[in-house]
Amino acid sequence: MHETSPLNVQQVQLLSQLVDGLSAEQMAWVRGFLAGINHSVRQVGHPAAVTATGNASARQLTILYGSQTGHAQEVAELAKARAMAAGFKVDLFAMGDYKASRLKHDKLLLVAVSTQGEGEPPDDARDFYDFLHSDKAPPARCHTLCRAGAG
């Protein structure tokens, strides 16, 4: 711990215990989780509702994936399992199966998508991609959006 650390000794020890033995994938998830909490604090002045056990209190998460080869789908399914383990209620959709009318109601959205060719969206995401770039898409609001790129 450096003298300039904003953490006390106990916090540093707890953080060290948490990350000890984590894989690179798990560390990436922890970084994303902490970044999301940091974003919540900056947006509304306090962290998102998280209980002492780390579970989100009845938060609804929608996960969309668009995948040509299955990699983004695997990422989305892993994210679903982790989010459910953390107490989230999760809806998982292939982008081609997602009703765009839900977009204005989904408050917490994670999008996992791979590209193909010269950065084109995968086939199952094309209609959703076109919708987002159309005049029919709802205006961007203060929703929480996470993106995971896979190609």
C-alpha atoms as a PDB file:
ATOM      1  CA  MET A   1       0.000   0.000   0.000  1.00  0.00           C
ATOM      2  CA  HIS A   2       1.326   3.438  -0.902  1.00  0.00           C
ATOM      3  CA  GLU A   3       1.043   6.356   1.469  1.00  0.00           C
ATOM      4  CA  THR A   4      -1.151   8.107  -1.084  1.00  0.00           C
ATOM      5  CA  SER A   5      -3.680   5.253  -1.232  1.00  0.00           C
ATOM      6  CA  PRO A   6      -7.224   6.334  -0.385  1.00  0.00           C
ATOM      7  CA  LEU A   7      -7.798   2.851   1.098  1.00  0.00           C
ATOM      8  CA  ASN A   8      -7.137   1.934   4.699  1.00  0.00           C
ATOM      9  CA  VAL A   9      -5.126  -1.165   5.628  1.00  0.00           C
ATOM     10  CA  GLN A  10      -8.227  -3.333   6.141  1.00  0.00           C
ATOM     11  CA  GLN A  11      -9.649  -2.324   2.742  1.00  0.00           C
ATOM     12  CA  VAL A  12      -6.367  -3.146   1.012  1.00  0.00           C
ATOM     13  CA  GLN A  13      -6.306  -6.549   2.727  1.00  0.00           C
ATOM     14  CA  LEU A  14      -9.898  -7.291   1.708  1.00  0.00           C
ATOM     15  CA  LEU A  15      -9.211  -6.260  -1.871  1.00  0.00           C
ATOM     16  CA  SER A  16      -6.070  -8.385  -1.963  1.00  0.00           C
ATOM     17  CA  GLN A  17      -8.021 -11.398  -0.664  1.00  0.00           C
ATOM     18  CA  LEU A  18     -10.682 -10.840  -3.312  1.00  0.00           C
ATOM     19  CA  VAL A  19      -8.313 -10.803  -6.280  1.00  0.00           C
ATOM     20  CA  ASP A  20      -5.891 -13.445  -5.025  1.00  0.00           C
ATOM     21  CA  GLY A  21      -6.057 -16.405  -7.400  1.00  0.00           C
ATOM     22  CA  LEU A  22      -8.501 -14.891  -9.907  1.00  0.00           C
ATOM     23  CA  SER A  23      -8.038 -15.779 -13.558  1.00  0.00           C
ATOM     24  CA  ALA A  24      -7.530 -13.069 -16.188  1.00  0.00           C
ATOM     25  CA  GLU A  25     -11.177 -13.493 -17.215  1.00  0.00           C
ATOM     26  CA  GLN A  26     -12.361 -13.075 -13.630  1.00  0.00           C
ATOM     27  CA  MET A  27     -10.155  -9.995 -13.168  1.00  0.00           C
ATOM     28  CA  ALA A  28     -11.651  -8.482 -16.323  1.00  0.00           C
ATOM     29  CA  TRP A  29     -15.127  -9.070 -14.910  1.00  0.00           C
ATOM     30  CA  VAL A  30     -14.168  -7.443 -11.592  1.00  0.00           C
ATOM     31  CA  ARG A  31     -12.758  -4.417 -13.464  1.00  0.00           C
ATOM     32  CA  GLY A  32     -16.020  -4.078 -15.379  1.00  0.00           C
ATOM     33  CA  PHE A  33     -18.080  -4.461 -12.225  1.00  0.00           C
ATOM     34  CA  LEU A  34     -16.090  -1.767 -10.426  1.00  0.00           C
ATOM     35  CA  ALA A  35     -16.267   0.520 -13.459  1.00  0.00           C
ATOM     36  CA  GLY A  36     -20.045   0.109 -13.432  1.00  0.00           C
ATOM     37  CA  ILE A  37     -20.232   1.035  -9.762  1.00  0.00           C
ATOM     38  CA  ASN A  38     -17.983   4.026 -10.416  1.00  0.00           C
ATOM     39  CA  HIS A  39     -20.292   5.085 -13.270  1.00  0.00           C
ATOM     40  CA  SER A  40     -23.343   4.793 -10.975  1.00  0.00           C
ATOM     41  CA  VAL A  41     -21.695   6.950  -8.342  1.00  0.00           C
ATOM     42  CA  ARG A  42     -20.834   9.642 -10.887  1.00  0.00           C
ATOM     43  CA  GLN A  43     -24.316   9.551 -12.461  1.00  0.00           C
ATOM     44  CA  VAL A  44     -26.547   9.590  -9.388  1.00  0.00           C
ATOM     45  CA  GLY A  45     -24.250  10.248  -6.458  1.00  0.00           C
ATOM     46  CA  HIS A  46     -24.447   6.769  -4.942  1.00  0.00           C
ATOM     47  CA  PRO A  47     -23.728   3.216  -6.051  1.00  0.00           C
ATOM     48  CA  ALA A  48     -26.398   1.065  -7.646  1.00  0.00           C
ATOM     49  CA  ALA A  49     -28.494  -0.872  -5.143  1.00  0.00           C
ATOM     50  CA  VAL A  50     -26.159  -3.599  -3.944  1.00  0.00           C
ATOM     51  CA  THR A  51     -26.741  -5.570  -0.770  1.00  0.00           C
ATOM     52  CA  ALA A  52     -24.067  -6.530   1.720  1.00  0.00           C
ATOM     53  CA  THR A  53     -23.719  -9.902  -0.003  1.00  0.00           C
ATOM     54  CA  GLY A  54     -22.979  -8.222  -3.324  1.00  0.00           C
ATOM     55  CA  ASN A  55     -26.306  -9.137  -4.901  1.00  0.00           C
ATOM     56  CA  ALA A  56     -28.216  -6.488  -6.790  1.00  0.00           C
ATOM     57  CA  SER A  57     -31.614  -6.077  -5.188  1.00  0.00           C
ATOM     58  CA  ALA A  58     -34.078  -7.238  -7.818  1.00  0.00           C
ATOM     59  CA  ARG A  59     -32.355  -5.377 -10.669  1.00  0.00           C
ATOM     60  CA  GLN A  60     -33.442  -6.439 -14.143  1.00  0.00           C
ATOM     61  CA  LEU A  61     -30.706  -6.950 -16.741  1.00  0.00           C
ATOM     62  CA  THR A  62     -31.318  -7.534 -20.419  1.00  0.00           C
ATOM     63  CA  ILE A  63     -28.488  -9.123 -22.377  1.00  0.00           C
ATOM     64  CA  LEU A  64     -28.406  -9.063 -26.177  1.00  0.00           C
ATOM     65  CA  TYR A  65     -25.948 -10.866 -28.375  1.00  0.00           C
ATOM     66  CA  GLY A  66     -25.141 -10.867 -32.051  1.00  0.00           C
ATOM     67  CA  SER A  67     -22.786 -13.563 -33.203  1.00  0.00           C
ATOM     68  CA  GLN A  68     -21.659 -15.092 -36.473  1.00  0.00           C
ATOM     69  CA  THR A  69     -19.470 -17.792 -34.932  1.00  0.00           C
ATOM     70  CA  GLY A  70     -20.918 -18.192 -31.443  1.00  0.00           C
ATOM     71  CA  HIS A  71     -18.237 -16.317 -29.481  1.00  0.00           C
ATOM     72  CA  ALA A  72     -20.459 -13.367 -28.524  1.00  0.00           C
ATOM     73  CA  GLN A  73     -23.233 -15.791 -27.583  1.00  0.00           C
ATOM     74  CA  GLU A  74     -20.839 -17.597 -25.241  1.00  0.00           C
ATOM     75  CA  VAL A  75     -19.856 -14.263 -23.671  1.00  0.00           C
ATOM     76  CA  ALA A  76     -23.545 -13.366 -23.247  1.00  0.00           C
ATOM     77  CA  GLU A  77     -24.373 -16.720 -21.663  1.00  0.00           C
ATOM     78  CA  LEU A  78     -21.433 -16.388 -19.270  1.00  0.00           C
ATOM     79  CA  ALA A  79     -22.552 -12.860 -18.381  1.00  0.00           C
ATOM     80  CA  LYS A  80     -26.074 -14.167 -17.736  1.00  0.00           C
ATOM     81  CA  ALA A  81     -24.810 -16.864 -15.381  1.00  0.00           C
ATOM     82  CA  ARG A  82     -22.630 -14.395 -13.492  1.00  0.00           C
ATOM     83  CA  ALA A  83     -25.386 -11.786 -13.276  1.00  0.00           C
ATOM     84  CA  MET A  84     -27.878 -14.347 -12.001  1.00  0.00           C
ATOM     85  CA  ALA A  85     -25.360 -15.512  -9.407  1.00  0.00           C
ATOM     86  CA  ALA A  86     -25.103 -11.876  -8.315  1.00  0.00           C
ATOM     87  CA  GLY A  87     -28.883 -11.718  -7.868  1.00  0.00           C
ATOM     88  CA  PHE A  88     -29.973 -10.047 -11.092  1.00  0.00           C
ATOM     89  CA  LYS A  89     -33.094 -11.058 -12.976  1.00  0.00           C
ATOM     90  CA  VAL A  90     -31.803 -11.660 -16.503  1.00  0.00           C
ATOM     91  CA  ASP A  91     -33.423 -11.820 -19.936  1.00  0.00           C
ATOM     92  CA  LEU A  92     -31.126 -13.101 -22.704  1.00  0.00           C
ATOM     93  CA  PHE A  93     -31.915 -12.546 -26.384  1.00  0.00           C
ATOM     94  CA  ALA A  94     -30.252 -13.005 -29.719  1.00  0.00           C
ATOM     95  CA  MET A  95     -30.497  -9.576 -31.333  1.00  0.00           C
ATOM     96  CA  GLY A  96     -32.668 -11.060 -34.056  1.00  0.00           C
ATOM     97  CA  ASP A  97     -35.206 -12.198 -31.443  1.00  0.00           C
ATOM     98  CA  TYR A  98     -35.265  -8.984 -29.405  1.00  0.00           C
ATOM     99  CA  LYS A  99     -38.321  -6.772 -29.841  1.00  0.00           C
ATOM    100  CA  ALA A 100     -36.939  -3.296 -30.447  1.00  0.00           C
ATOM    101  CA  SER A 101     -39.979  -1.803 -28.709  1.00  0.00           C
ATOM    102  CA  ARG A 102     -38.512  -3.098 -25.408  1.00  0.00           C
ATOM    103  CA  LEU A 103     -35.482  -0.853 -25.804  1.00  0.00           C
ATOM    104  CA  LYS A 104     -37.204   2.184 -24.317  1.00  0.00           C
ATOM    105  CA  HIS A 105     -38.140   0.161 -21.208  1.00  0.00           C
ATOM    106  CA  ASP A 106     -34.950  -1.814 -20.583  1.00  0.00           C
ATOM    107  CA  LYS A 107     -32.911   0.212 -18.109  1.00  0.00           C
ATOM    108  CA  LEU A 108     -29.861  -2.042 -17.779  1.00  0.00           C
ATOM    109  CA  LEU A 109     -28.629  -3.457 -21.064  1.00  0.00           C
ATOM    110  CA  LEU A 110     -25.539  -5.495 -21.863  1.00  0.00           C
ATOM    111  CA  VAL A 111     -24.727  -6.006 -25.535  1.00  0.00           C
ATOM    112  CA  ALA A 112     -22.245  -8.661 -26.664  1.00  0.00           C
ATOM    113  CA  VAL A 113     -21.611  -8.560 -30.397  1.00  0.00           C
ATOM    114  CA  SER A 114     -18.954  -9.703 -32.789  1.00  0.00           C
ATOM    115  CA  THR A 115     -18.238  -8.221 -36.173  1.00  0.00           C
ATOM    116  CA  GLN A 116     -17.494  -9.942 -39.424  1.00  0.00           C
ATOM    117  CA  GLY A 117     -15.742  -9.007 -42.641  1.00  0.00           C
ATOM    118  CA  GLU A 118     -14.933  -5.296 -42.587  1.00  0.00           C
ATOM    119  CA  GLY A 119     -16.606  -4.572 -39.249  1.00  0.00           C
ATOM    120  CA  GLU A 120     -20.100  -5.503 -40.365  1.00  0.00           C
ATOM    121  CA  PRO A 121     -22.641  -6.694 -37.795  1.00  0.00           C
ATOM    122  CA  PRO A 122     -23.346 -10.431 -37.767  1.00  0.00           C
ATOM    123  CA  ASP A 123     -26.346 -11.647 -39.745  1.00  0.00           C
ATOM    124  CA  ASP A 124     -28.539 -12.109 -36.657  1.00  0.00           C
ATOM    125  CA  ALA A 125     -27.840  -8.529 -35.550  1.00  0.00           C
ATOM    126  CA  ARG A 126     -28.319  -6.721 -38.874  1.00  0.00           C
ATOM    127  CA  ASP A 127     -31.980  -5.711 -38.349  1.00  0.00           C
ATOM    128  CA  PHE A 128     -31.306  -4.466 -34.816  1.00  0.00           C
ATOM    129  CA  TYR A 129     -28.235  -2.558 -36.012  1.00  0.00           C
ATOM    130  CA  ASP A 130     -30.282  -0.935 -38.790  1.00  0.00           C
ATOM    131  CA  PHE A 131     -33.024  -0.045 -36.294  1.00  0.00           C
ATOM    132  CA  LEU A 132     -30.550   1.642 -33.937  1.00  0.00           C
ATOM    133  CA  HIS A 133     -29.300   3.791 -36.800  1.00  0.00           C
ATOM    134  CA  SER A 134     -32.786   4.755 -37.943  1.00  0.00           C
ATOM    135  CA  ASP A 135     -35.139   7.565 -36.970  1.00  0.00           C
ATOM    136  CA  LYS A 136     -37.370   4.947 -35.294  1.00  0.00           C
ATOM    137  CA  ALA A 137     -34.882   4.230 -32.506  1.00  0.00           C
ATOM    138  CA  PRO A 138     -35.729   5.838 -29.162  1.00  0.00           C
ATOM    139  CA  PRO A 139     -33.458   8.695 -28.120  1.00  0.00           C
ATOM    140  CA  ALA A 140     -30.491   7.764 -25.970  1.00  0.00           C
ATOM    141  CA  ARG A 141     -31.306   8.311 -22.310  1.00  0.00           C
ATOM    142  CA  CYS A 142     -29.614   7.727 -18.985  1.00  0.00           C
ATOM    143  CA  HIS A 143     -29.708   3.966 -19.314  1.00  0.00           C
ATOM    144  CA  THR A 144     -26.821   1.804 -18.230  1.00  0.00           C
ATOM    145  CA  LEU A 145     -25.250   0.137 -21.233  1.00  0.00           C
ATOM    146  CA  CYS A 146     -22.403  -2.348 -21.257  1.00  0.00           C
ATOM    147  CA  ARG A 147     -20.784  -3.533 -24.452  1.00  0.00           C
ATOM    148  CA  ALA A 148     -18.613  -6.549 -25.019  1.00  0.00           C
ATOM    149  CA  GLY A 149     -16.854  -6.819 -28.360  1.00  0.00           C
ATOM    150  CA  ALA A 150     -15.795 -10.239 -29.592  1.00  0.00           C
ATOM    151  CA  GLY A 151     -14.314  -9.679 -32.991  1.00  0.00           C
END
